[in-house]
């Protein structure tokens, strides 16, 4: 390995740089990071020390978002929630969609976040 050092006082400190990651980890990435920190500290430390934590969490957040969209669409079609219902009963439509979103979020937490 070709590591360069900077002298600071009487110490030599390695010039380490983390890989650039521009993607956001989002809400679900932060939830999984806290879960790893509390329940799997060795895996958390390995990801931090290897510099892969941010990209790992960003990937997980993207997977969770895609899974959420898929689940909401599947539940919406299974329960027959249409744009016609939205036009006829906006309050009922909103209640049913909020219920679907809450159920899908629970599935995401159990499948991806807290595992």
C-alpha atoms as a PDB file:
ATOM      1  CA  UNK A   1       0.000   0.000   0.000  1.00  0.00           C
ATOM      2  CA  UNK A   2       1.172   3.473  -0.821  1.00  0.00           C
ATOM      3  CA  UNK A   3       0.074   5.591   2.167  1.00  0.00           C
ATOM      4  CA  UNK A   4       1.239   9.139   2.622  1.00  0.00           C
ATOM      5  CA  UNK A   5       1.589  10.710   6.048  1.00  0.00           C
ATOM      6  CA  UNK A   6       1.362  14.261   7.345  1.00  0.00           C
ATOM      7  CA  UNK A   7       3.375  15.373  10.317  1.00  0.00           C
ATOM      8  CA  UNK A   8       1.302  17.027  13.014  1.00  0.00           C
ATOM      9  CA  UNK A   9       3.356  18.008  16.038  1.00  0.00           C
ATOM     10  CA  UNK A  10       5.363  14.937  16.930  1.00  0.00           C
ATOM     11  CA  UNK A  11       2.975  12.516  15.204  1.00  0.00           C
ATOM     12  CA  UNK A  12       2.589  11.186  11.691  1.00  0.00           C
ATOM     13  CA  UNK A  13      -1.063  10.990  10.629  1.00  0.00           C
ATOM     14  CA  UNK A  14      -2.053   8.996   7.520  1.00  0.00           C
ATOM     15  CA  UNK A  15      -3.689  10.967   4.699  1.00  0.00           C
ATOM     16  CA  UNK A  16      -6.830   8.872   4.285  1.00  0.00           C
ATOM     17  CA  UNK A  17      -9.699   9.880   2.026  1.00  0.00           C
ATOM     18  CA  UNK A  18     -13.152   8.370   1.930  1.00  0.00           C
ATOM     19  CA  UNK A  19     -14.723   7.573  -1.424  1.00  0.00           C
ATOM     20  CA  UNK A  20     -17.032  10.276  -2.774  1.00  0.00           C
ATOM     21  CA  UNK A  21     -20.709   9.360  -2.474  1.00  0.00           C
ATOM     22  CA  UNK A  22     -23.347  11.823  -3.580  1.00  0.00           C
ATOM     23  CA  UNK A  23     -26.470   9.743  -2.982  1.00  0.00           C
ATOM     24  CA  UNK A  24     -28.591  10.399   0.088  1.00  0.00           C
ATOM     25  CA  UNK A  25     -29.102   7.639   2.653  1.00  0.00           C
ATOM     26  CA  UNK A  26     -32.599   8.924   3.450  1.00  0.00           C
ATOM     27  CA  UNK A  27     -34.880   8.009   6.304  1.00  0.00           C
ATOM     28  CA  UNK A  28     -34.614   4.259   5.891  1.00  0.00           C
ATOM     29  CA  UNK A  29     -30.837   4.357   5.572  1.00  0.00           C
ATOM     30  CA  UNK A  30     -30.618   6.290   8.842  1.00  0.00           C
ATOM     31  CA  UNK A  31     -32.936   3.801  10.513  1.00  0.00           C
ATOM     32  CA  UNK A  32     -30.787   0.874   9.352  1.00  0.00           C
ATOM     33  CA  UNK A  33     -27.588   2.669  10.422  1.00  0.00           C
ATOM     34  CA  UNK A  34     -28.997   3.080  13.947  1.00  0.00           C
ATOM     35  CA  UNK A  35     -30.079  -0.564  13.956  1.00  0.00           C
ATOM     36  CA  UNK A  36     -26.591  -1.712  12.911  1.00  0.00           C
ATOM     37  CA  UNK A  37     -24.940   0.542  15.470  1.00  0.00           C
ATOM     38  CA  UNK A  38     -27.077  -0.854  18.318  1.00  0.00           C
ATOM     39  CA  UNK A  39     -27.512  -4.524  17.372  1.00  0.00           C
ATOM     40  CA  UNK A  40     -24.611  -5.391  15.043  1.00  0.00           C
ATOM     41  CA  UNK A  41     -21.690  -3.186  16.092  1.00  0.00           C
ATOM     42  CA  UNK A  42     -19.043  -5.409  14.459  1.00  0.00           C
ATOM     43  CA  UNK A  43     -20.716  -5.229  11.051  1.00  0.00           C
ATOM     44  CA  UNK A  44     -21.220  -1.480  11.547  1.00  0.00           C
ATOM     45  CA  UNK A  45     -17.536  -0.978  12.395  1.00  0.00           C
ATOM     46  CA  UNK A  46     -16.419  -3.103   9.438  1.00  0.00           C
ATOM     47  CA  UNK A  47     -18.512  -0.983   7.075  1.00  0.00           C
ATOM     48  CA  UNK A  48     -17.214   2.250   8.592  1.00  0.00           C
ATOM     49  CA  UNK A  49     -13.569   1.182   8.530  1.00  0.00           C
ATOM     50  CA  UNK A  50     -13.759  -0.096   4.959  1.00  0.00           C
ATOM     51  CA  UNK A  51     -15.404   3.160   3.826  1.00  0.00           C
ATOM     52  CA  UNK A  52     -18.459   1.355   2.478  1.00  0.00           C
ATOM     53  CA  UNK A  53     -21.093   2.417   5.016  1.00  0.00           C
ATOM     54  CA  UNK A  54     -22.510   5.341   3.047  1.00  0.00           C
ATOM     55  CA  UNK A  55     -22.865   3.458  -0.246  1.00  0.00           C
ATOM     56  CA  UNK A  56     -24.310   0.419   1.592  1.00  0.00           C
ATOM     57  CA  UNK A  57     -26.957   2.611   3.255  1.00  0.00           C
ATOM     58  CA  UNK A  58     -27.704   4.499   0.024  1.00  0.00           C
ATOM     59  CA  UNK A  59     -28.245   1.177  -1.782  1.00  0.00           C
ATOM     60  CA  UNK A  60     -30.521  -0.049   0.992  1.00  0.00           C
ATOM     61  CA  UNK A  61     -32.523   3.191   0.886  1.00  0.00           C
ATOM     62  CA  UNK A  62     -33.014   2.854  -2.884  1.00  0.00           C
ATOM     63  CA  UNK A  63     -34.100  -0.785  -2.517  1.00  0.00           C
ATOM     64  CA  UNK A  64     -36.545   0.177   0.223  1.00  0.00           C
ATOM     65  CA  UNK A  65     -38.003   2.998  -1.891  1.00  0.00           C
ATOM     66  CA  UNK A  66     -38.495   0.687  -4.888  1.00  0.00           C
ATOM     67  CA  UNK A  67     -40.053  -1.991  -2.666  1.00  0.00           C
ATOM     68  CA  UNK A  68     -42.368   0.616  -1.105  1.00  0.00           C
ATOM     69  CA  UNK A  69     -43.595   1.787  -4.521  1.00  0.00           C
ATOM     70  CA  UNK A  70     -44.168  -1.803  -5.645  1.00  0.00           C
ATOM     71  CA  UNK A  71     -46.058  -2.760  -2.481  1.00  0.00           C
ATOM     72  CA  UNK A  72     -48.278   0.320  -2.596  1.00  0.00           C
ATOM     73  CA  UNK A  73     -49.149  -0.366  -6.249  1.00  0.00           C
ATOM     74  CA  UNK A  74     -49.901  -4.043  -5.550  1.00  0.00           C
ATOM     75  CA  UNK A  75     -52.037  -3.321  -2.486  1.00  0.00           C
ATOM     76  CA  UNK A  76     -53.826  -0.509  -4.281  1.00  0.00           C
ATOM     77  CA  UNK A  77     -54.836  -2.763  -7.173  1.00  0.00           C
ATOM     78  CA  UNK A  78     -55.713  -5.680  -4.863  1.00  0.00           C
ATOM     79  CA  UNK A  79     -58.082  -3.491  -2.861  1.00  0.00           C
ATOM     80  CA  UNK A  80     -59.611  -1.822  -5.904  1.00  0.00           C
ATOM     81  CA  UNK A  81     -58.597   1.729  -5.085  1.00  0.00           C
ATOM     82  CA  UNK A  82     -58.973   3.740  -8.289  1.00  0.00           C
ATOM     83  CA  UNK A  83     -59.008   7.324  -9.474  1.00  0.00           C
ATOM     84  CA  UNK A  84     -62.806   7.025  -9.700  1.00  0.00           C
ATOM     85  CA  UNK A  85     -62.916   6.359  -5.956  1.00  0.00           C
ATOM     86  CA  UNK A  86     -60.649   9.344  -5.430  1.00  0.00           C
ATOM     87  CA  UNK A  87     -63.067  11.576  -7.349  1.00  0.00           C
ATOM     88  CA  UNK A  88     -66.162  10.136  -5.645  1.00  0.00           C
ATOM     89  CA  UNK A  89     -64.885   9.966  -2.036  1.00  0.00           C
ATOM     90  CA  UNK A  90     -61.628  11.882  -1.509  1.00  0.00           C
ATOM     91  CA  UNK A  91     -61.633  11.442   2.280  1.00  0.00           C
ATOM     92  CA  UNK A  92     -62.236   7.689   2.050  1.00  0.00           C
ATOM     93  CA  UNK A  93     -59.592   7.387  -0.659  1.00  0.00           C
ATOM     94  CA  UNK A  94     -57.070   9.240   1.526  1.00  0.00           C
ATOM     95  CA  UNK A  95     -57.854   7.033   4.517  1.00  0.00           C
ATOM     96  CA  UNK A  96     -57.407   3.862   2.498  1.00  0.00           C
ATOM     97  CA  UNK A  97     -54.187   5.087   0.868  1.00  0.00           C
ATOM     98  CA  UNK A  98     -52.751   6.083   4.258  1.00  0.00           C
ATOM     99  CA  UNK A  99     -53.619   2.614   5.550  1.00  0.00           C
ATOM    100  CA  UNK A 100     -51.867   1.008   2.576  1.00  0.00           C
ATOM    101  CA  UNK A 101     -48.795   3.219   3.034  1.00  0.00           C
ATOM    102  CA  UNK A 102     -48.596   2.338   6.740  1.00  0.00           C
ATOM    103  CA  UNK A 103     -48.819  -1.396   6.006  1.00  0.00           C
ATOM    104  CA  UNK A 104     -46.205  -1.170   3.257  1.00  0.00           C
ATOM    105  CA  UNK A 105     -43.887   0.790   5.572  1.00  0.00           C
ATOM    106  CA  UNK A 106     -44.227  -1.929   8.211  1.00  0.00           C
ATOM    107  CA  UNK A 107     -43.295  -4.595   5.668  1.00  0.00           C
ATOM    108  CA  UNK A 108     -40.251  -2.551   4.606  1.00  0.00           C
ATOM    109  CA  UNK A 109     -39.100  -2.181   8.198  1.00  0.00           C
ATOM    110  CA  UNK A 110     -39.406  -5.913   8.837  1.00  0.00           C
ATOM    111  CA  UNK A 111     -37.865  -7.070   5.537  1.00  0.00           C
ATOM    112  CA  UNK A 112     -35.045  -4.574   4.999  1.00  0.00           C
ATOM    113  CA  UNK A 113     -34.427  -2.243   7.914  1.00  0.00           C
ATOM    114  CA  UNK A 114     -34.439  -4.460  11.003  1.00  0.00           C
ATOM    115  CA  UNK A 115     -32.724  -7.553   9.591  1.00  0.00           C
END
